[in-house]
Amino acid sequence: MYDYLTVGAGLLGAIFTYEAARKGKRCPVIDKRPHIGGNIYTESVDGISVRKYGAHIFHKSNKAVWYCVNQLAEFNNYVNPPVAVYNDELNNMNTFFKTRVQAGC
């Protein structure tokens, strides 16, 4: 008998199962892939960590979540600065969006 069944061992499934086990819950994990980590899985190739499924950006501004996942694996703090051309000017999308909202658009 189990308390929970985790389907998918990606970041969410792995952390949920980890936290459930810490609280004494029995929680088997099933996944179609032969490893945990989902799309952020890395494997060692000649001593170098290689992302099997390509680079991924972990978007999370919640400090408690950031602290939690960094206890389990090392993440780089990368900020993706999207840009766009508007009225023949190159604009940072974050600044552009805030400016347009303040202008009532």
C-alpha atoms as a PDB file:
ATOM      1  CA  MET A   1       0.000   0.000   0.000  1.00  0.00           C
ATOM      2  CA  TYR A   2       1.253   3.494  -0.893  1.00  0.00           C
ATOM      3  CA  ASP A   3       0.320   7.022   0.134  1.00  0.00           C
ATOM      4  CA  TYR A   4       0.912   8.564  -3.302  1.00  0.00           C
ATOM      5  CA  LEU A   5       1.962   7.519  -6.792  1.00  0.00           C
ATOM      6  CA  THR A   6       4.174   9.951  -8.690  1.00  0.00           C
ATOM      7  CA  VAL A   7       3.776   9.762 -12.459  1.00  0.00           C
ATOM      8  CA  GLY A   8       6.728  11.499 -14.081  1.00  0.00           C
ATOM      9  CA  ALA A   9      10.112  12.088 -12.489  1.00  0.00           C
ATOM     10  CA  GLY A  10      10.715  15.572 -13.844  1.00  0.00           C
ATOM     11  CA  LEU A  11      11.473  18.486 -11.542  1.00  0.00           C
ATOM     12  CA  LEU A  12       7.984  18.655 -10.006  1.00  0.00           C
ATOM     13  CA  GLY A  13       7.566  14.901  -9.597  1.00  0.00           C
ATOM     14  CA  ALA A  14      11.048  14.420  -8.163  1.00  0.00           C
ATOM     15  CA  ILE A  15      10.681  17.237  -5.621  1.00  0.00           C
ATOM     16  CA  PHE A  16       7.161  16.161  -4.622  1.00  0.00           C
ATOM     17  CA  THR A  17       8.362  12.596  -4.046  1.00  0.00           C
ATOM     18  CA  TYR A  18      11.431  13.788  -2.141  1.00  0.00           C
ATOM     19  CA  GLU A  19       9.314  15.951   0.186  1.00  0.00           C
ATOM     20  CA  ALA A  20       6.691  13.206   0.658  1.00  0.00           C
ATOM     21  CA  ALA A  21       9.410  10.698   1.613  1.00  0.00           C
ATOM     22  CA  ARG A  22      10.873  13.207   4.101  1.00  0.00           C
ATOM     23  CA  LYS A  23       7.454  13.241   5.775  1.00  0.00           C
ATOM     24  CA  GLY A  24       7.404   9.434   5.972  1.00  0.00           C
ATOM     25  CA  LYS A  25       5.065   8.844   3.038  1.00  0.00           C
ATOM     26  CA  ARG A  26       5.472   5.879   0.722  1.00  0.00           C
ATOM     27  CA  CYS A  27       5.540   7.191  -2.826  1.00  0.00           C
ATOM     28  CA  PRO A  28       6.734   5.106  -5.779  1.00  0.00           C
ATOM     29  CA  VAL A  29       7.710   6.900  -8.982  1.00  0.00           C
ATOM     30  CA  ILE A  30       7.016   5.789 -12.531  1.00  0.00           C
ATOM     31  CA  ASP A  31       8.392   7.433 -15.652  1.00  0.00           C
ATOM     32  CA  LYS A  32       8.695   6.410 -19.293  1.00  0.00           C
ATOM     33  CA  ARG A  33      12.350   7.480 -19.274  1.00  0.00           C
ATOM     34  CA  PRO A  34      15.062   5.433 -17.545  1.00  0.00           C
ATOM     35  CA  HIS A  35      16.198   8.395 -15.406  1.00  0.00           C
ATOM     36  CA  ILE A  36      14.879  11.132 -13.135  1.00  0.00           C
ATOM     37  CA  GLY A  37      15.018  14.842 -13.926  1.00  0.00           C
ATOM     38  CA  GLY A  38      12.783  15.049 -16.978  1.00  0.00           C
ATOM     39  CA  ASN A  39      14.015  17.576 -19.526  1.00  0.00           C
ATOM     40  CA  ILE A  40      16.657  19.004 -17.167  1.00  0.00           C
ATOM     41  CA  TYR A  41      18.458  15.651 -16.892  1.00  0.00           C
ATOM     42  CA  THR A  42      22.213  15.809 -17.354  1.00  0.00           C
ATOM     43  CA  GLU A  43      24.702  13.035 -17.934  1.00  0.00           C
ATOM     44  CA  SER A  44      28.460  12.997 -17.556  1.00  0.00           C
ATOM     45  CA  VAL A  45      30.430  12.766 -20.791  1.00  0.00           C
ATOM     46  CA  ASP A  46      34.176  12.642 -20.204  1.00  0.00           C
ATOM     47  CA  GLY A  47      33.684  14.444 -16.882  1.00  0.00           C
ATOM     48  CA  ILE A  48      31.531  17.203 -18.389  1.00  0.00           C
ATOM     49  CA  SER A  49      27.841  17.631 -17.488  1.00  0.00           C
ATOM     50  CA  VAL A  50      25.844  17.522 -20.717  1.00  0.00           C
ATOM     51  CA  ARG A  51      22.128  18.271 -20.891  1.00  0.00           C
ATOM     52  CA  LYS A  52      20.608  15.375 -22.798  1.00  0.00           C
ATOM     53  CA  TYR A  53      17.570  17.361 -23.984  1.00  0.00           C
ATOM     54  CA  GLY A  54      19.241  20.743 -24.520  1.00  0.00           C
ATOM     55  CA  ALA A  55      19.422  23.855 -22.391  1.00  0.00           C
ATOM     56  CA  HIS A  56      16.429  24.827 -20.270  1.00  0.00           C
ATOM     57  CA  ILE A  57      15.679  27.955 -18.291  1.00  0.00           C
ATOM     58  CA  PHE A  58      14.136  27.444 -14.856  1.00  0.00           C
ATOM     59  CA  HIS A  59      11.761  30.413 -14.469  1.00  0.00           C
ATOM     60  CA  LYS A  60      11.086  30.940 -10.803  1.00  0.00           C
ATOM     61  CA  SER A  61      11.137  34.187  -8.839  1.00  0.00           C
ATOM     62  CA  ASN A  62       9.844  32.589  -5.616  1.00  0.00           C
ATOM     63  CA  LYS A  63      12.878  32.565  -3.286  1.00  0.00           C
ATOM     64  CA  ALA A  64      11.638  29.570  -1.255  1.00  0.00           C
ATOM     65  CA  VAL A  65      11.315  27.439  -4.411  1.00  0.00           C
ATOM     66  CA  TRP A  66      14.719  28.626  -5.685  1.00  0.00           C
ATOM     67  CA  TYR A  67      16.311  27.727  -2.335  1.00  0.00           C
ATOM     68  CA  CYS A  68      14.631  24.307  -2.313  1.00  0.00           C
ATOM     69  CA  VAL A  69      15.752  23.227  -5.800  1.00  0.00           C
ATOM     70  CA  ASN A  70      19.279  24.544  -5.243  1.00  0.00           C
ATOM     71  CA  GLN A  71      19.609  22.226  -2.251  1.00  0.00           C
ATOM     72  CA  LEU A  72      19.015  19.285  -4.586  1.00  0.00           C
ATOM     73  CA  ALA A  73      20.913  20.399  -7.701  1.00  0.00           C
ATOM     74  CA  GLU A  74      22.990  23.371  -8.824  1.00  0.00           C
ATOM     75  CA  PHE A  75      21.185  25.919 -10.999  1.00  0.00           C
ATOM     76  CA  ASN A  76      22.651  29.010 -12.651  1.00  0.00           C
ATOM     77  CA  ASN A  77      20.809  32.285 -12.154  1.00  0.00           C
ATOM     78  CA  TYR A  78      20.169  33.207 -15.785  1.00  0.00           C
ATOM     79  CA  VAL A  79      17.794  35.978 -16.828  1.00  0.00           C
ATOM     80  CA  ASN A  80      16.488  35.884 -20.379  1.00  0.00           C
ATOM     81  CA  PRO A  81      16.352  39.499 -21.649  1.00  0.00           C
ATOM     82  CA  PRO A  82      13.797  39.379 -24.510  1.00  0.00           C
ATOM     83  CA  VAL A  83      14.010  42.233 -26.993  1.00  0.00           C
ATOM     84  CA  ALA A  84      11.795  43.554 -29.779  1.00  0.00           C
ATOM     85  CA  VAL A  85      11.929  46.192 -32.472  1.00  0.00           C
ATOM     86  CA  TYR A  86       9.148  48.789 -32.125  1.00  0.00           C
ATOM     87  CA  ASN A  87       9.011  52.032 -34.112  1.00  0.00           C
ATOM     88  CA  ASP A  88      12.455  51.199 -35.532  1.00  0.00           C
ATOM     89  CA  GLU A  89      13.951  51.045 -32.015  1.00  0.00           C
ATOM     90  CA  LEU A  90      15.358  48.036 -30.176  1.00  0.00           C
ATOM     91  CA  ASN A  91      13.487  47.658 -26.854  1.00  0.00           C
ATOM     92  CA  ASN A  92      13.872  45.394 -23.830  1.00  0.00           C
ATOM     93  CA  MET A  93      10.480  43.635 -23.711  1.00  0.00           C
ATOM     94  CA  ASN A  94      10.194  43.917 -19.916  1.00  0.00           C
ATOM     95  CA  THR A  95      10.728  47.685 -20.024  1.00  0.00           C
ATOM     96  CA  PHE A  96       8.549  48.014 -23.128  1.00  0.00           C
ATOM     97  CA  PHE A  97       5.648  46.156 -21.494  1.00  0.00           C
ATOM     98  CA  LYS A  98       5.806  48.230 -18.289  1.00  0.00           C
ATOM     99  CA  THR A  99       5.964  51.467 -20.273  1.00  0.00           C
ATOM    100  CA  ARG A 100       2.981  50.513 -22.449  1.00  0.00           C
ATOM    101  CA  VAL A 101       0.892  49.469 -19.408  1.00  0.00           C
ATOM    102  CA  GLN A 102       1.659  52.702 -17.552  1.00  0.00           C
ATOM    103  CA  ALA A 103       0.654  54.657 -20.665  1.00  0.00           C
ATOM    104  CA  GLY A 104      -2.777  52.991 -20.550  1.00  0.00           C
ATOM    105  CA  CYS A 105      -2.346  50.751 -23.616  1.00  0.00           C
END
